[in-house]
Structures are given as C-alpha cells and as structure tokens.
Amino acid sequence: MLIQFMLKNILSFKEETVFDMTAIHAYKEYPCNLIQTKNHENLVKVASIYGANASGKSNLYYAMKYFQNIVKESFNNTNDNDHTVLEKYYNPFSFEEKMENSEFEIILLLNNDEYKYGFEYNSHHIVMEWLYRKNLTTNRTITLLERSTKNIDFGASIRKECDLYKDQIPQDTLVLSFFNRLNLTNNQFKIVYSGIMDILIVPSDFCEDTQLLEKLLPKIIDSNKDELIEYLTAIDTGIKDIDYIDTQNNIIFITSHQGKDQKNIH
C-alpha cells in the first residue's frame, strides 16, 4: 500500500514534491477508505487529485508511470527504438540550462513493514539507489540496499546472497529490477517490486480504457467485495451486488440493482 511518493526534477516538478496518503485527523467521511497501521497512523486507500488546468495533475500521473516503467523495464533496458529505458524516461524540468539528475522515492506498507525505496538517475546511468525496511512493531529500521556510482552495498540480512551477483548489474539497471528476476532465498526485492507494480494510477479519462476495469475489478471482487459494494452504495450508483464471468475471450461483469418492488434486477 502506498504511503508516500516523492519526485524531483521531473517534467514540470523542479523542486522536491511529495504525494502523501496519510489521512488528516479530521477525515471522518468514509471509514471504509481508511486503514490503520501498527504505529496507529491512518492511511487512505484511495485518493483523487483536483486542480486547475495546467496545475500539474497530468504530469504527476505521468511521473508515477515513469517510475513504475523504469522499475519494470530497466532489467531489459532497451525499447523498440534502441533507446535505453533511462533515455526514454529521463525528462527533467525544462526551464534550466543545466541538466540535473531526476529522483524518485516511494514509501510502501507491505506485510506490516514499511519500505522506503528510491533512486536518482539521468539518461546514462543510475546515480544512487536505496532501500530500507522499518518494522512497525519495534520501530527499527534496517538497510537493505545503498548504491552509488562506485559501489553497491547490501544489508547484513541479504549481503551474502546478493554480493554474488552485484558485479553483474549494469550501471543503467536498477538493483531492484535485477534481483526481482532472480529466485533468491530472501524475497525482499520481489516484495517491493510487486508492491510498486500493484499501485493503480488512474487518469481522468480512465473510463475510456475498458482493459483497466478488466484488470482491476476481478481482483477487488475476489478479495474485497463487501468494501466495494459499500463504496458503490456510498456514491449512489444503485448497484447492490457485482460479480463477473471470466470467459476465454473476455470478462463479463454482472451487476444487480434493486427495483421499485424490491426485486433484484441484473
């Protein structure tokens, strides 16, 4: 689950900018949208961004997609045009003569632990990369990864296994992406990689993309159907139940509405 997302020198964001999912104390409207962590901090499960035209909404969406795409693609690090992934997604603030590095950092709640992961990069290589894990029960933070242009250091819990491969990691490939492809005894990198990929970033025109619903809704129906129905009721859709049929060609969604005679209509 996303806690914070930070970006710097990306698109229209020159200075460090933080998107925070921490709920304010006055948030009382929809308790079903809240989750409490072990350190008694409330987080919102879903958030929307509103603002005037040209205020940065779309660029925040694109930046978060850049982040996910670099994590996803940097292991292969080429695209159809033979440009590297870093070249493709290095798009710093335009109104500066000096081309400085771009930076991302994310904080995730995964399996009751808090992970802080980030990297600094330019069009040629990964400048820095880091990963820390905080146990929310003991409040203790340990280092899993610290990388610079000169060295890659692993934390004590994964050092012995990961040191065997660190000389094989190219300068333009993320350590996270590299180790996600390996079957290690320690699965810390796979946990963080999956957590990043599971974040759903929805643009304002998402309803035009039916594939998004086909990807998302079945998982929610299977795992959190009661909460989904509660949400659909809260926004007054009239939907009382929802299910789906997975055929070989597509996914068919079935919704139930209550008629005037209190009978369900599908």
Protein backbone atom coordinates (compact mmCIF):
# COMPACT_ATOMS: atom_id res chain seq x y z
CA MET A 1 0.00 0.00 0.00
CA LEU A 2 1.25 3.44 -0.94
CA ILE A 3 2.16 5.84 1.88
CA GLN A 4 4.21 8.49 0.07
CA PHE A 5 5.55 9.17 -3.39
CA MET A 6 8.28 11.78 -3.90
CA LEU A 7 9.58 13.18 -7.17
CA LYS A 8 12.18 15.79 -8.02
CA ASN A 9 13.25 17.39 -11.30
CA ILE A 10 10.66 15.53 -13.38
CA LEU A 11 8.55 17.23 -16.08
CA SER A 12 7.06 20.39 -14.50
CA PHE A 13 8.25 19.50 -10.96
CA LYS A 14 11.61 21.18 -10.37
CA GLU A 15 11.72 21.03 -6.57
CA GLU A 16 11.02 18.02 -4.37
CA THR A 17 7.28 17.28 -4.37
CA VAL A 18 5.54 14.73 -2.13
CA PHE A 19 2.21 12.98 -2.67
CA ASP A 20 1.11 11.76 0.78
CA MET A 21 -1.62 9.19 1.53
CA THR A 22 -1.57 9.88 5.27
CA ALA A 23 -5.07 10.81 6.43
CA ILE A 24 -5.62 14.05 8.30
CA HIS A 25 -7.19 13.72 11.75
CA ALA A 26 -10.37 15.44 10.55
CA TYR A 27 -11.04 12.79 7.90
CA LYS A 28 -14.28 11.10 9.03
CA GLU A 29 -16.42 10.81 5.87
CA TYR A 30 -15.67 7.28 4.68
CA PRO A 31 -14.20 4.95 7.32
CA CYS A 32 -14.06 2.16 4.73
CA ASN A 33 -11.38 4.18 2.92
CA LEU A 34 -9.08 4.17 5.97
CA ILE A 35 -6.52 1.67 7.16
CA GLN A 36 -4.64 1.93 10.46
CA THR A 37 -1.02 0.86 10.61
CA LYS A 38 0.65 -0.79 13.59
CA ASN A 39 2.01 2.56 14.70
CA HIS A 40 -1.59 3.87 14.79
CA GLU A 41 -1.26 6.06 11.72
CA ASN A 42 -4.31 6.28 9.45
CA LEU A 43 -3.80 5.98 5.69
CA VAL A 44 -6.34 6.47 2.91
CA LYS A 45 -6.69 3.60 0.47
CA VAL A 46 -7.83 5.78 -2.45
CA ALA A 47 -7.11 9.45 -3.19
CA SER A 48 -8.09 11.80 -6.00
CA ILE A 49 -6.28 14.90 -7.25
CA TYR A 50 -8.19 18.01 -8.27
CA GLY A 51 -6.91 21.33 -9.54
CA ALA A 52 -6.96 23.97 -12.21
CA ASN A 53 -5.81 23.36 -15.76
CA ALA A 54 -2.01 23.31 -16.15
CA SER A 55 -1.55 22.83 -12.38
CA GLY A 56 0.42 19.57 -12.72
CA LYS A 57 -2.21 16.85 -12.34
CA SER A 58 -1.34 15.07 -15.58
CA ASN A 59 2.40 15.45 -15.01
CA LEU A 60 2.11 13.81 -11.59
CA TYR A 61 0.31 10.90 -13.27
CA TYR A 62 2.99 10.66 -15.97
CA ALA A 63 5.78 10.87 -13.38
CA MET A 64 4.33 7.98 -11.39
CA LYS A 65 4.06 5.96 -14.60
CA TYR A 66 7.69 6.86 -15.42
CA PHE A 67 8.68 5.49 -12.03
CA GLN A 68 6.79 2.24 -12.49
CA ASN A 69 8.04 1.81 -16.05
CA ILE A 70 11.70 2.30 -15.12
CA VAL A 71 11.34 -0.29 -12.35
CA LYS A 72 9.57 -2.66 -14.73
CA GLU A 73 11.79 -2.23 -17.80
CA SER A 74 15.30 -1.35 -16.60
CA PHE A 75 16.40 -5.00 -16.47
CA ASN A 76 15.98 -5.25 -20.26
CA ASN A 77 16.83 -1.57 -20.75
CA THR A 78 16.04 -1.22 -24.43
CA ASN A 79 12.91 -0.41 -26.34
CA ASP A 80 11.85 -0.78 -29.95
CA ASN A 81 13.82 2.31 -31.00
CA ASP A 82 17.06 1.04 -29.42
CA HIS A 83 16.95 3.81 -26.83
CA THR A 84 17.60 2.77 -23.26
CA VAL A 85 14.84 2.94 -20.70
CA LEU A 86 16.67 5.74 -18.88
CA GLU A 87 16.86 7.79 -22.07
CA LYS A 88 13.17 7.20 -22.64
CA TYR A 89 12.06 8.27 -19.16
CA TYR A 90 14.59 10.97 -18.34
CA ASN A 91 12.52 14.13 -18.74
CA PRO A 92 13.82 16.76 -16.30
CA PHE A 93 12.42 20.22 -15.63
CA SER A 94 12.75 22.05 -18.94
CA PHE A 95 13.46 25.65 -17.93
CA GLU A 96 17.00 25.10 -16.70
CA GLU A 97 20.23 25.31 -18.67
CA LYS A 98 21.95 22.62 -16.59
CA MET A 99 20.51 19.11 -16.96
CA GLU A 100 20.43 17.78 -13.40
CA ASN A 101 19.55 14.29 -12.17
CA SER A 102 15.96 13.24 -11.61
CA GLU A 103 14.86 11.47 -8.43
CA PHE A 104 12.04 9.23 -7.22
CA GLU A 105 11.30 7.84 -3.77
CA ILE A 106 8.37 5.77 -2.55
CA ILE A 107 7.26 4.60 0.90
CA LEU A 108 5.10 1.47 0.98
CA LEU A 109 3.28 -0.51 3.65
CA LEU A 110 3.82 -4.18 2.80
CA ASN A 111 3.21 -7.14 5.13
CA ASN A 112 3.09 -4.80 8.14
CA ASP A 113 6.55 -3.44 7.33
CA GLU A 114 7.32 0.00 5.94
CA TYR A 115 9.67 0.05 2.94
CA LYS A 116 11.41 3.17 1.65
CA TYR A 117 12.80 2.77 -1.87
CA GLY A 118 14.17 5.30 -4.32
CA PHE A 119 16.70 6.11 -6.97
CA GLU A 120 18.41 9.06 -8.65
CA TYR A 121 19.17 8.84 -12.35
CA ASN A 122 19.94 10.61 -15.60
CA SER A 123 19.81 9.50 -19.23
CA HIS A 124 23.02 7.46 -18.89
CA HIS A 125 23.06 5.62 -15.55
CA ILE A 126 21.64 5.10 -12.08
CA VAL A 127 23.40 7.62 -9.82
CA MET A 128 22.05 6.38 -6.48
CA GLU A 129 19.60 3.72 -5.28
CA TRP A 130 18.42 2.84 -1.79
CA LEU A 131 16.05 0.51 0.06
CA TYR A 132 15.23 0.46 3.78
CA ARG A 133 12.77 -1.62 5.80
CA LYS A 134 11.15 -0.42 9.02
CA ASN A 135 9.49 -2.86 11.41
CA LEU A 136 6.37 -1.06 12.64
CA THR A 137 6.18 -3.23 15.78
CA THR A 138 9.70 -2.48 17.03
CA ASN A 139 10.12 0.80 15.11
CA ARG A 140 13.55 -0.46 14.00
CA THR A 141 14.88 0.40 10.53
CA ILE A 142 17.44 -1.71 8.70
CA THR A 143 19.32 -1.06 5.47
CA LEU A 144 18.72 -3.47 2.60
CA LEU A 145 20.45 -1.56 -0.20
CA GLU A 146 22.61 1.52 -0.68
CA ARG A 147 24.06 2.17 -4.11
CA SER A 148 26.29 4.86 -5.58
CA THR A 149 28.06 5.13 -8.92
CA LYS A 150 31.10 3.46 -7.35
CA ASN A 151 29.65 0.69 -5.19
CA ILE A 152 26.61 -1.39 -4.22
CA ASP A 153 26.25 -2.24 -0.53
CA PHE A 154 23.68 -4.67 0.85
CA GLY A 155 22.35 -5.02 4.37
CA ALA A 156 23.52 -7.84 6.60
CA SER A 157 20.32 -9.88 6.11
CA ILE A 158 20.82 -10.23 2.33
CA ARG A 159 24.53 -9.43 1.81
CA LYS A 160 25.90 -12.96 1.47
CA GLU A 161 23.46 -13.97 -1.26
CA CYS A 162 23.35 -10.67 -3.15
CA ASP A 163 27.10 -9.99 -3.19
CA LEU A 164 27.48 -12.96 -5.54
CA TYR A 165 25.67 -11.05 -8.29
CA LYS A 166 26.40 -7.36 -7.74
CA ASP A 167 29.24 -7.20 -10.28
CA GLN A 168 26.78 -8.35 -12.95
CA ILE A 169 24.44 -5.37 -12.51
CA PRO A 170 24.91 -2.76 -15.29
CA GLN A 171 25.11 0.92 -14.40
CA ASP A 172 21.84 1.63 -16.21
CA THR A 173 19.88 -1.17 -14.47
CA LEU A 174 18.13 -0.88 -11.12
CA VAL A 175 19.25 -3.34 -8.46
CA LEU A 176 15.57 -3.85 -7.59
CA SER A 177 14.72 -4.81 -11.17
CA PHE A 178 17.74 -7.10 -11.43
CA PHE A 179 17.07 -9.10 -8.27
CA ASN A 180 13.34 -9.31 -8.92
CA ARG A 181 14.23 -11.61 -11.85
CA LEU A 182 16.30 -13.97 -9.68
CA ASN A 183 14.99 -16.69 -7.38
CA LEU A 184 16.75 -15.69 -4.19
CA THR A 185 16.20 -17.24 -0.77
CA ASN A 186 15.39 -13.77 0.56
CA ASN A 187 12.38 -12.28 -1.25
CA GLN A 188 12.68 -8.64 -0.12
CA PHE A 189 13.21 -7.32 -3.65
CA LYS A 190 10.24 -9.26 -5.04
CA ILE A 191 8.03 -7.91 -2.24
CA VAL A 192 8.94 -4.30 -3.02
CA TYR A 193 8.77 -4.80 -6.79
CA SER A 194 5.27 -6.30 -6.54
CA GLY A 195 4.17 -3.53 -4.19
CA ILE A 196 5.24 -0.89 -6.71
CA MET A 197 3.57 -2.67 -9.63
CA ASP A 198 0.34 -3.13 -7.66
CA ILE A 199 -0.18 0.63 -7.25
CA LEU A 200 -3.06 1.65 -9.51
CA ILE A 201 -2.67 5.10 -11.07
CA VAL A 202 -5.83 6.16 -12.88
CA PRO A 203 -6.02 9.15 -15.28
CA SER A 204 -9.17 11.24 -15.54
CA ASP A 205 -10.15 9.55 -18.83
CA PHE A 206 -9.75 6.01 -17.45
CA CYS A 207 -13.32 5.04 -18.34
CA GLU A 208 -12.30 5.05 -22.00
CA ASP A 209 -9.93 2.15 -21.28
CA THR A 210 -12.07 -0.92 -20.64
CA GLN A 211 -8.95 -3.08 -20.23
CA LEU A 212 -8.26 -1.26 -16.98
CA LEU A 213 -11.55 -2.44 -15.49
CA GLU A 214 -10.94 -5.98 -16.70
CA LYS A 215 -7.57 -5.99 -14.95
CA LEU A 216 -8.66 -4.37 -11.70
CA LEU A 217 -12.23 -5.31 -10.86
CA PRO A 218 -11.94 -9.13 -10.68
CA LYS A 219 -9.19 -8.86 -8.05
CA ILE A 220 -11.28 -6.48 -5.96
CA ILE A 221 -14.42 -8.61 -6.27
CA ASP A 222 -12.46 -11.70 -5.17
CA SER A 223 -10.75 -10.09 -2.17
CA ASN A 224 -12.75 -7.03 -1.06
CA LYS A 225 -16.25 -7.37 -2.45
CA ASP A 226 -18.01 -6.12 0.70
CA GLU A 227 -15.95 -2.93 0.74
CA LEU A 228 -16.56 -2.42 -2.99
CA ILE A 229 -20.33 -2.71 -2.51
CA GLU A 230 -20.13 -0.27 0.40
CA TYR A 231 -18.27 2.21 -1.79
CA LEU A 232 -20.67 1.82 -4.72
CA THR A 233 -23.58 2.41 -2.32
CA ALA A 234 -21.90 5.50 -0.83
CA ILE A 235 -21.54 7.15 -4.26
CA ASP A 236 -25.17 6.29 -5.10
CA THR A 237 -24.67 4.04 -8.14
CA GLY A 238 -27.69 1.91 -7.33
CA ILE A 239 -25.57 -1.24 -7.59
CA LYS A 240 -26.42 -3.74 -4.84
CA ASP A 241 -24.18 -6.60 -5.96
CA ILE A 242 -21.49 -7.24 -8.56
CA ASP A 243 -19.84 -10.36 -9.96
CA TYR A 244 -18.04 -11.47 -13.10
CA ILE A 245 -17.62 -14.37 -15.52
CA ASP A 246 -14.16 -14.99 -16.92
CA THR A 247 -14.51 -16.41 -20.43
CA GLN A 248 -11.69 -17.31 -22.78
CA ASN A 249 -12.15 -14.13 -24.80
CA ASN A 250 -13.10 -11.50 -22.22
CA ILE A 251 -14.50 -10.77 -18.77
CA ILE A 252 -18.24 -10.17 -18.36
CA PHE A 253 -19.36 -8.12 -15.34
CA ILE A 254 -22.81 -8.71 -13.83
CA THR A 255 -24.37 -6.04 -11.60
CA SER A 256 -27.51 -6.32 -9.50
CA HIS A 257 -29.89 -3.38 -8.93
CA GLN A 258 -32.95 -3.22 -6.70
CA GLY A 259 -36.22 -2.30 -8.47
CA LYS A 260 -39.20 -0.48 -7.07
CA ASP A 261 -40.74 -3.78 -5.95
CA GLN A 262 -37.52 -4.57 -4.01
CA LYS A 263 -36.63 -7.31 -6.51
CA ASN A 264 -33.09 -7.58 -7.79
CA ILE A 265 -32.58 -6.73 -11.46
CA HIS A 266 -29.44 -7.97 -13.26
